[in-house]
C-alpha atoms as a PDB file:
ATOM      1  CA  MET A   1      64.925  73.569 134.800  1.00  0.00           C
ATOM      2  CA  ILE A   2      67.088  72.151 131.821  1.00  0.00           C
ATOM      3  CA  THR A   3      70.201  69.857 131.656  1.00  0.00           C
ATOM      4  CA  ILE A   4      73.538  71.097 130.431  1.00  0.00           C
ATOM      5  CA  GLY A   5      73.045  69.376 127.111  1.00  0.00           C
ATOM      6  CA  GLN A   6      69.775  71.134 126.388  1.00  0.00           C
ATOM      7  CA  LEU A   7      71.523  74.387 127.534  1.00  0.00           C
ATOM      8  CA  ALA A   8      74.263  73.863 124.907  1.00  0.00           C
ATOM      9  CA  ALA A   9      71.747  73.193 122.092  1.00  0.00           C
ATOM     10  CA  TYR A  10      69.723  75.996 122.967  1.00  0.00           C
ATOM     11  CA  ALA A  11      72.758  78.565 122.428  1.00  0.00           C
ATOM     12  CA  GLY A  12      74.142  76.393 119.656  1.00  0.00           C
ATOM     13  CA  VAL A  13      77.507  75.510 121.369  1.00  0.00           C
ATOM     14  CA  THR A  14      78.911  72.451 122.766  1.00  0.00           C
ATOM     15  CA  VAL A  15      78.919  70.988 126.336  1.00  0.00           C
ATOM     16  CA  ARG A  16      82.532  71.211 126.270  1.00  0.00           C
ATOM     17  CA  THR A  17      82.214  75.173 125.725  1.00  0.00           C
ATOM     18  CA  VAL A  18      79.630  75.539 128.559  1.00  0.00           C
ATOM     19  CA  ARG A  19      82.088  73.688 130.852  1.00  0.00           C
ATOM     20  CA  HIS A  20      85.029  76.055 129.442  1.00  0.00           C
ATOM     21  CA  TYR A  21      82.857  79.081 130.417  1.00  0.00           C
ATOM     22  CA  HIS A  22      82.185  77.768 133.850  1.00  0.00           C
ATOM     23  CA  GLN A  23      86.185  77.245 134.345  1.00  0.00           C
ATOM     24  CA  ARG A  24      86.974  80.970 133.151  1.00  0.00           C
ATOM     25  CA  GLY A  25      84.173  82.203 135.362  1.00  0.00           C
ATOM     26  CA  LEU A  26      81.778  83.711 132.738  1.00  0.00           C
ATOM     27  CA  LEU A  27      79.182  81.633 133.332  1.00  0.00           C
ATOM     28  CA  ASP A  28      77.778  80.715 136.885  1.00  0.00           C
ATOM     29  CA  GLU A  29      77.645  77.049 137.768  1.00  0.00           C
ATOM     30  CA  PRO A  30      73.943  76.258 138.851  1.00  0.00           C
ATOM     31  CA  GLU A  31      73.105  74.139 142.011  1.00  0.00           C
ATOM     32  CA  ARG A  32      72.734  70.473 141.745  1.00  0.00           C
ATOM     33  CA  ASP A  33      69.688  68.544 142.060  1.00  0.00           C
ATOM     34  CA  ALA A  34      69.282  65.653 144.654  1.00  0.00           C
ATOM     35  CA  SER A  35      70.708  63.299 141.960  1.00  0.00           C
ATOM     36  CA  GLY A  36      73.853  65.278 141.726  1.00  0.00           C
ATOM     37  CA  TYR A  37      73.088  66.931 138.232  1.00  0.00           C
ATOM     38  CA  ARG A  38      73.172  70.534 137.342  1.00  0.00           C
ATOM     39  CA  ARG A  39      69.952  72.179 136.280  1.00  0.00           C
ATOM     40  CA  TYR A  40      70.155  75.251 134.421  1.00  0.00           C
ATOM     41  CA  THR A  41      67.480  78.140 134.088  1.00  0.00           C
ATOM     42  CA  ALA A  42      66.252  80.457 131.454  1.00  0.00           C
ATOM     43  CA  GLN A  43      68.734  83.057 132.928  1.00  0.00           C
ATOM     44  CA  HIS A  44      71.819  80.639 132.122  1.00  0.00           C
ATOM     45  CA  ALA A  45      70.518  80.227 128.904  1.00  0.00           C
ATOM     46  CA  ILE A  46      70.364  84.056 128.375  1.00  0.00           C
ATOM     47  CA  ASP A  47      73.768  84.646 129.798  1.00  0.00           C
ATOM     48  CA  LEU A  48      75.470  81.980 127.449  1.00  0.00           C
ATOM     49  CA  ILE A  49      73.766  83.426 124.330  1.00  0.00           C
ATOM     50  CA  LYS A  50      75.127  86.813 125.471  1.00  0.00           C
ATOM     51  CA  ILE A  51      78.829  85.353 125.817  1.00  0.00           C
ATOM     52  CA  LYS A  52      78.346  83.282 122.506  1.00  0.00           C
ATOM     53  CA  THR A  53      77.460  86.742 120.702  1.00  0.00           C
ATOM     54  CA  LEU A  54      80.378  88.821 122.191  1.00  0.00           C
ATOM     55  CA  THR A  55      82.801  86.093 121.710  1.00  0.00           C
ATOM     56  CA  HIS A  56      81.547  85.567 117.869  1.00  0.00           C
ATOM     57  CA  ALA A  57      81.990  89.235 117.359  1.00  0.00           C
ATOM     58  CA  GLY A  58      85.270  89.182 118.323  1.00  0.00           C
ATOM     59  CA  VAL A  59      85.388  90.079 122.122  1.00  0.00           C
ATOM     60  CA  PRO A  60      88.311  88.167 123.596  1.00  0.00           C
ATOM     61  CA  LEU A  61      87.177  85.909 126.548  1.00  0.00           C
ATOM     62  CA  ALA A  62      89.571  87.870 128.830  1.00  0.00           C
ATOM     63  CA  ARG A  63      87.027  90.840 128.258  1.00  0.00           C
ATOM     64  CA  VAL A  64      83.747  89.179 128.112  1.00  0.00           C
ATOM     65  CA  LYS A  65      83.315  89.068 131.993  1.00  0.00           C
ATOM     66  CA  GLU A  66      83.943  92.914 132.289  1.00  0.00           C
ATOM     67  CA  LEU A  67      81.189  93.659 129.378  1.00  0.00           C
ATOM     68  CA  GLN A  68      78.690  91.334 131.053  1.00  0.00           C
ATOM     69  CA  ALA A  69      79.071  93.811 134.128  1.00  0.00           C
ATOM     70  CA  ALA A  70      79.482  97.062 132.470  1.00  0.00           C
ATOM     71  CA  GLY A  71      76.724  99.531 132.126  1.00  0.00           C
ATOM     72  CA  PRO A  72      75.767 101.137 128.732  1.00  0.00           C
ATOM     73  CA  ALA A  73      78.320 104.049 128.687  1.00  0.00           C
ATOM     74  CA  GLN A  74      81.291 101.705 129.803  1.00  0.00           C
ATOM     75  CA  PHE A  75      80.062  99.055 127.470  1.00  0.00           C
ATOM     76  CA  ALA A  76      80.252 101.363 124.460  1.00  0.00           C
ATOM     77  CA  ARG A  77      83.808 102.334 125.336  1.00  0.00           C
ATOM     78  CA  ALA A  78      84.952  99.040 125.902  1.00  0.00           C
ATOM     79  CA  ILE A  79      83.317  98.012 122.470  1.00  0.00           C
ATOM     80  CA  ASP A  80      85.046 100.777 120.869  1.00  0.00           C
ATOM     81  CA  GLU A  81      88.441  99.615 122.371  1.00  0.00           C
ATOM     82  CA  VAL A  82      87.752  96.108 121.053  1.00  0.00           C
ATOM     83  CA  ASP A  83      86.914  97.380 117.695  1.00  0.00           C
ATOM     84  CA  ARG A  84      90.343  99.042 117.498  1.00  0.00           C
ATOM     85  CA  ASP A  85      92.026  95.966 118.511  1.00  0.00           C
ATOM     86  CA  LEU A  86      90.354  93.947 115.978  1.00  0.00           C
ATOM     87  CA  GLU A  87      91.215  96.468 113.356  1.00  0.00           C
ATOM     88  CA  GLU A  88      95.007  96.135 114.295  1.00  0.00           C
ATOM     89  CA  ARG A  89      94.524  92.223 114.260  1.00  0.00           C
ATOM     90  CA  ILE A  90      92.990  92.581 110.791  1.00  0.00           C
ATOM     91  CA  ALA A  91      95.825  94.761 109.384  1.00  0.00           C
ATOM     92  CA  ASP A  92      98.372  92.356 110.888  1.00  0.00           C
ATOM     93  CA  LEU A  93      96.638  89.442 109.337  1.00  0.00           C
ATOM     94  CA  THR A  94      96.205  91.145 105.742  1.00  0.00           C
ATOM     95  CA  ASP A  95      99.865  91.655 105.935  1.00  0.00           C
ATOM     96  CA  ALA A  96     100.554  88.127 107.226  1.00  0.00           C
ATOM     97  CA  ARG A  97      98.357  86.839 104.166  1.00  0.00           C
ATOM     98  CA  GLN A  98     100.155  88.840 101.593  1.00  0.00           C
ATOM     99  CA  ARG A  99     103.391  87.288 103.012  1.00  0.00           C
ATOM    100  CA  ILE A 100     101.954  83.941 102.748  1.00  0.00           C
ATOM    101  CA  ARG A 101     100.808  84.406  99.248  1.00  0.00           C
ATOM    102  CA  GLY A 102     104.372  85.567  98.462  1.00  0.00           C
ATOM    103  CA  LEU A 103     105.562  82.341  99.424  1.00  0.00           C
ATOM    104  CA  THR A 104     104.417  81.225  95.706  1.00  0.00           C
ATOM    105  CA  GLY A 105     107.079  83.420  94.506  1.00  0.00           C
ATOM    106  CA  GLY A 106     109.822  81.293  96.227  1.00  0.00           C
ATOM    107  CA  ASP A 107     113.146  83.405  96.526  1.00  0.00           C
ATOM    108  CA  ARG A 108     110.985  86.844  96.272  1.00  0.00           C
ATOM    109  CA  LEU A 109     109.908  86.503  99.850  1.00  0.00           C
ATOM    110  CA  PHE A 110     113.180  86.674 101.416  1.00  0.00           C
ATOM    111  CA  VAL A 111     115.164  89.221  98.953  1.00  0.00           C
ATOM    112  CA  PRO A 112     114.412  91.985  96.577  1.00  0.00           C
ATOM    113  CA  GLY A 113     113.132  91.544  93.122  1.00  0.00           C
ATOM    114  CA  GLN A 114     116.406  92.199  91.385  1.00  0.00           C
ATOM    115  CA  VAL A 115     118.270  89.313  93.543  1.00  0.00           C
ATOM    116  CA  ALA A 116     115.606  87.054  92.938  1.00  0.00           C
ATOM    117  CA  ASP A 117     115.915  87.873  89.059  1.00  0.00           C
ATOM    118  CA  TYR A 118     119.595  86.954  89.474  1.00  0.00           C
ATOM    119  CA  LEU A 119     118.990  83.855  91.260  1.00  0.00           C
ATOM    120  CA  ASP A 120     116.660  82.851  88.285  1.00  0.00           C
ATOM    121  CA  HIS A 121     119.551  83.542  85.967  1.00  0.00           C
ATOM    122  CA  LEU A 122     121.812  81.396  87.759  1.00  0.00           C
ATOM    123  CA  SER A 123     119.412  78.669  87.124  1.00  0.00           C
ATOM    124  CA  ALA A 124     119.008  79.486  83.525  1.00  0.00           C
ATOM    125  CA  ILE A 125     122.733  79.193  82.875  1.00  0.00           C
ATOM    126  CA  GLY A 126     122.882  75.748  84.623  1.00  0.00           C
ATOM    127  CA  MET A 127     123.612  76.365  88.175  1.00  0.00           C
ATOM    128  CA  SER A 128     122.645  73.355  90.548  1.00  0.00           C
ATOM    129  CA  ASP A 129     119.739  74.054  92.721  1.00  0.00           C
ATOM    130  CA  ARG A 130     121.904  73.573  95.806  1.00  0.00           C
ATOM    131  CA  TYR A 131     124.267  76.304  94.394  1.00  0.00           C
ATOM    132  CA  VAL A 132     121.472  78.651  93.929  1.00  0.00           C
ATOM    133  CA  GLN A 133     120.173  77.743  97.356  1.00  0.00           C
ATOM    134  CA  ILE A 134     123.533  78.779  98.997  1.00  0.00           C
ATOM    135  CA  GLU A 135     123.604  82.072  97.003  1.00  0.00           C
ATOM    136  CA  ARG A 136     119.952  82.687  98.013  1.00  0.00           C
ATOM    137  CA  ASP A 137     120.936  82.379 101.731  1.00  0.00           C
ATOM    138  CA  LEU A 138     124.129  84.290 101.640  1.00  0.00           C
ATOM    139  CA  TRP A 139     121.775  87.215  99.591  1.00  0.00           C
ATOM    140  CA  ILE A 140     119.253  87.097 102.536  1.00  0.00           C
ATOM    141  CA  LEU A 141     122.247  88.089 105.013  1.00  0.00           C
ATOM    142  CA  VAL A 142     123.396  90.580 102.608  1.00  0.00           C
ATOM    143  CA  TRP A 143     120.068  92.358 102.178  1.00  0.00           C
ATOM    144  CA  ALA A 144     119.433  92.102 105.856  1.00  0.00           C
ATOM    145  CA  VAL A 145     122.613  93.537 107.024  1.00  0.00           C
ATOM    146  CA  GLU A 146     123.967  95.639 104.187  1.00  0.00           C
ATOM    147  CA  PRO A 147     121.013  96.353 101.981  1.00  0.00           C
ATOM    148  CA  ALA A 148     122.939  99.641 100.357  1.00  0.00           C
ATOM    149  CA  GLY A 149     125.504  97.485  99.095  1.00  0.00           C
ATOM    150  CA  VAL A 150     123.373  95.179  97.185  1.00  0.00           C
ATOM    151  CA  ASP A 151     122.913  96.774  93.819  1.00  0.00           C
ATOM    152  CA  ALA A 152     126.827  97.220  93.536  1.00  0.00           C
ATOM    153  CA  ARG A 153     127.425  93.268  94.502  1.00  0.00           C
ATOM    154  CA  LEU A 154     124.763  92.254  92.321  1.00  0.00           C
ATOM    155  CA  GLN A 155     126.010  94.343  89.052  1.00  0.00           C
ATOM    156  CA  GLU A 156     129.436  92.934  90.033  1.00  0.00           C
ATOM    157  CA  ARG A 157     128.250  89.460  89.822  1.00  0.00           C
ATOM    158  CA  LEU A 158     126.220  89.828  86.869  1.00  0.00           C
ATOM    159  CA  ASP A 159     129.180  91.611  84.967  1.00  0.00           C
ATOM    160  CA  GLY A 160     131.332  88.496  85.858  1.00  0.00           C
ATOM    161  CA  LEU A 161     128.529  86.124  84.526  1.00  0.00           C
ATOM    162  CA  ALA A 162     128.275  88.026  81.322  1.00  0.00           C
ATOM    163  CA  ASP A 163     132.189  86.739  80.680  1.00  0.00           C
ATOM    164  CA  PRO A 164     132.014  83.167  79.032  1.00  0.00           C
ATOM    165  CA  GLU A 165     135.188  82.192  80.892  1.00  0.00           C
ATOM    166  CA  THR A 166     133.978  83.430  84.217  1.00  0.00           C
ATOM    167  CA  ARG A 167     130.715  81.639  83.744  1.00  0.00           C
ATOM    168  CA  ARG A 168     132.303  78.359  82.897  1.00  0.00           C
ATOM    169  CA  LEU A 169     134.546  78.718  86.023  1.00  0.00           C
ATOM    170  CA  GLY A 170     131.287  79.121  88.011  1.00  0.00           C
ATOM    171  CA  LEU A 171     129.754  75.921  86.630  1.00  0.00           C
ATOM    172  CA  ASP A 172     133.172  74.076  87.409  1.00  0.00           C
ATOM    173  CA  PHE A 173     133.138  75.459  90.825  1.00  0.00           C
ATOM    174  CA  ASP A 174     129.510  74.560  91.731  1.00  0.00           C
ATOM    175  CA  ARG A 175     130.211  71.009  90.326  1.00  0.00           C
ATOM    176  CA  ALA A 176     133.337  70.376  92.404  1.00  0.00           C
ATOM    177  CA  PHE A 177     131.110  70.601  95.405  1.00  0.00           C
ATOM    178  CA  THR A 178     130.965  66.861  95.854  1.00  0.00           C
ATOM    179  CA  ALA A 179     134.437  66.200  94.422  1.00  0.00           C
ATOM    180  CA  ASP A 180     137.168  64.437  96.214  1.00  0.00           C
ATOM    181  CA  PRO A 181     139.301  67.074  97.969  1.00  0.00           C
ATOM    182  CA  ASN A 182     142.335  65.181  96.654  1.00  0.00           C
ATOM    183  CA  ASP A 183     141.159  65.523  93.147  1.00  0.00           C
ATOM    184  CA  PRO A 184     144.044  67.359  90.729  1.00  0.00           C
ATOM    185  CA  ALA A 185     141.176  69.126  88.920  1.00  0.00           C
ATOM    186  CA  LEU A 186     140.761  71.397  92.193  1.00  0.00           C
ATOM    187  CA  GLU A 187     144.344  72.940  91.226  1.00  0.00           C
ATOM    188  CA  ASP A 188     142.856  73.822  88.127  1.00  0.00           C
ATOM    189  CA  ILE A 189     139.965  75.664  89.361  1.00  0.00           C
ATOM    190  CA  ALA A 190     141.927  77.502  91.863  1.00  0.00           C
ATOM    191  CA  ALA A 191     144.246  78.782  89.292  1.00  0.00           C
ATOM    192  CA  ARG A 192     141.463  80.087  86.957  1.00  0.00           C
ATOM    193  CA  MET A 193     140.046  81.773  90.004  1.00  0.00           C
ATOM    194  CA  ILE A 194     143.025  83.611  90.915  1.00  0.00           C
ATOM    195  CA  ALA A 195     143.384  84.570  86.956  1.00  0.00           C
ATOM    196  CA  VAL A 196     139.893  85.784  86.791  1.00  0.00           C
ATOM    197  CA  THR A 197     140.191  87.542  90.137  1.00  0.00           C
ATOM    198  CA  THR A 198     143.299  89.339  89.060  1.00  0.00           C
ATOM    199  CA  ARG A 199     142.018  90.229  85.756  1.00  0.00           C
ATOM    200  CA  TYR A 200     139.294  92.219  87.498  1.00  0.00           C
ATOM    201  CA  ASN A 201     140.841  93.248  90.447  1.00  0.00           C
ATOM    202  CA  GLY A 202     144.768  93.289  89.853  1.00  0.00           C
ATOM    203  CA  TRP A 203     147.041  91.913  92.404  1.00  0.00           C
ATOM    204  CA  ASP A 204     145.059  93.205  95.483  1.00  0.00           C
ATOM    205  CA  ASP A 205     146.073  91.559  98.844  1.00  0.00           C
ATOM    206  CA  THR A 206     142.621  92.220 100.114  1.00  0.00           C
ATOM    207  CA  VAL A 207     140.937  90.020  97.778  1.00  0.00           C
ATOM    208  CA  PHE A 208     141.892  86.792  99.355  1.00  0.00           C
ATOM    209  CA  ALA A 209     142.894  87.930 102.818  1.00  0.00           C
ATOM    210  CA  PRO A 210     140.987  86.663 105.941  1.00  0.00           C
ATOM    211  CA  ALA A 211     137.439  88.232 105.929  1.00  0.00           C
ATOM    212  CA  ARG A 212     136.471  90.477 108.992  1.00  0.00           C
ATOM    213  CA  GLY A 213     133.289  91.410 110.389  1.00  0.00           C
ATOM    214  CA  PHE A 214     130.040  90.879 108.343  1.00  0.00           C
ATOM    215  CA  HIS A 215     132.068  89.206 105.702  1.00  0.00           C
ATOM    216  CA  THR A 216     133.302  86.604 108.215  1.00  0.00           C
ATOM    217  CA  LEU A 217     129.841  85.685 108.766  1.00  0.00           C
ATOM    218  CA  LEU A 218     129.330  85.086 104.855  1.00  0.00           C
ATOM    219  CA  GLN A 219     132.257  82.993 104.935  1.00  0.00           C
ATOM    220  CA  SER A 220     131.087  81.070 107.723  1.00  0.00           C
ATOM    221  CA  ALA A 221     127.846  80.314 106.185  1.00  0.00           C
ATOM    222  CA  ILE A 222     129.562  78.061 103.650  1.00  0.00           C
ATOM    223  CA  ALA A 223     132.780  77.035 105.051  1.00  0.00           C
ATOM    224  CA  GLY A 224     132.699  73.401 105.750  1.00  0.00           C
ATOM    225  CA  THR A 225     129.583  72.645 103.545  1.00  0.00           C
ATOM    226  CA  SER A 226     132.081  71.082 100.908  1.00  0.00           C
ATOM    227  CA  PRO A 227     135.545  69.683 101.730  1.00  0.00           C
ATOM    228  CA  ALA A 228     136.115  70.291  98.100  1.00  0.00           C
ATOM    229  CA  TRP A 229     135.518  73.956  98.233  1.00  0.00           C
ATOM    230  CA  ASP A 230     137.425  74.426 101.200  1.00  0.00           C
ATOM    231  CA  GLU A 231     140.376  72.839  99.417  1.00  0.00           C
ATOM    232  CA  ILE A 232     140.053  75.172  96.674  1.00  0.00           C
ATOM    233  CA  TRP A 233     140.075  78.282  98.675  1.00  0.00           C
ATOM    234  CA  ARG A 234     143.201  76.855 100.584  1.00  0.00           C
ATOM    235  CA  ILE A 235     145.033  76.511  97.324  1.00  0.00           C
ATOM    236  CA  VAL A 236     143.561  79.922  96.166  1.00  0.00           C
ATOM    237  CA  ARG A 237     145.268  81.571  98.968  1.00  0.00           C
ATOM    238  CA  GLU A 238     148.289  79.698  98.977  1.00  0.00           C
ATOM    239  CA  GLN A 239     149.088  79.997  95.147  1.00  0.00           C
ATOM    240  CA  TYR A 240     147.863  83.753  95.461  1.00  0.00           C
ATOM    241  CA  LEU A 241     150.477  84.579  98.181  1.00  0.00           C
ATOM    242  CA  ARG A 242     153.280  82.413  96.310  1.00  0.00           C
ATOM    243  CA  ARG A 243     152.818  84.253  92.761  1.00  0.00           C
ATOM    244  CA  ARG A 244     151.988  87.741  94.113  1.00  0.00           C
ATOM    245  CA  PRO A 245     155.588  88.808  94.665  1.00  0.00           C
ATOM    246  CA  ALA A 246     156.820  87.775  91.181  1.00  0.00           C
ATOM    247  CA  ALA A 247     153.894  89.214  89.203  1.00  0.00           C
ATOM    248  CA  ASP A 248     154.261  92.630  91.016  1.00  0.00           C
ATOM    249  CA  PRO A 249     157.445  93.079  92.637  1.00  0.00           C
ATOM    250  CA  PRO A 250     157.983  95.867  95.134  1.00  0.00           C
END
């Protein structure tokens, strides 16, 4: 007769593990001696080693009891099922590991390579980390909801940044994030935004019209993040509507 400590040592597990197997109904609890101590037999040691072998092989605890009572044919079928489950888990873990490794690539985990390159380009031309983060989050939405439109949107952005005036406007807009909403300089940024937009798109009423559907979601992602930016967009819409009839009379 052996104690629980000796039993655990023979099987190479902890006493806590033995007690856990008792609670799960995997290992029968022995009778207690006159002093109230559990006294284990060689059969308990054999059963415990079997449980340990099965669990270390990847058999879930929920199936150990089934395998303990299985005949040879049933045992073989159950092991095949466990093997298939393990194969699926390995595939899932391999995929998860690749994604974890992708975290070292930063933005490339969340957006396609061409968008990540574009975000690197924003950093290279002097855009703040804050601005790049905001753009990244918006591209995550675009990639998830409208992946087919990514290339066209991206090319439009790159074409704009290739123009020195548009690039300077982007940098000034970025820096205005922390500006006072009453700063007169915001008027100039708004006027330049209208000038650049009309140069590329003409006087198109849809450009600054209230967004709908998915575009509303995109706008809501940045609305309120900067009072100065909100003021710029307010001025842009106001000036655009005021100036359009004079610029393009009916």
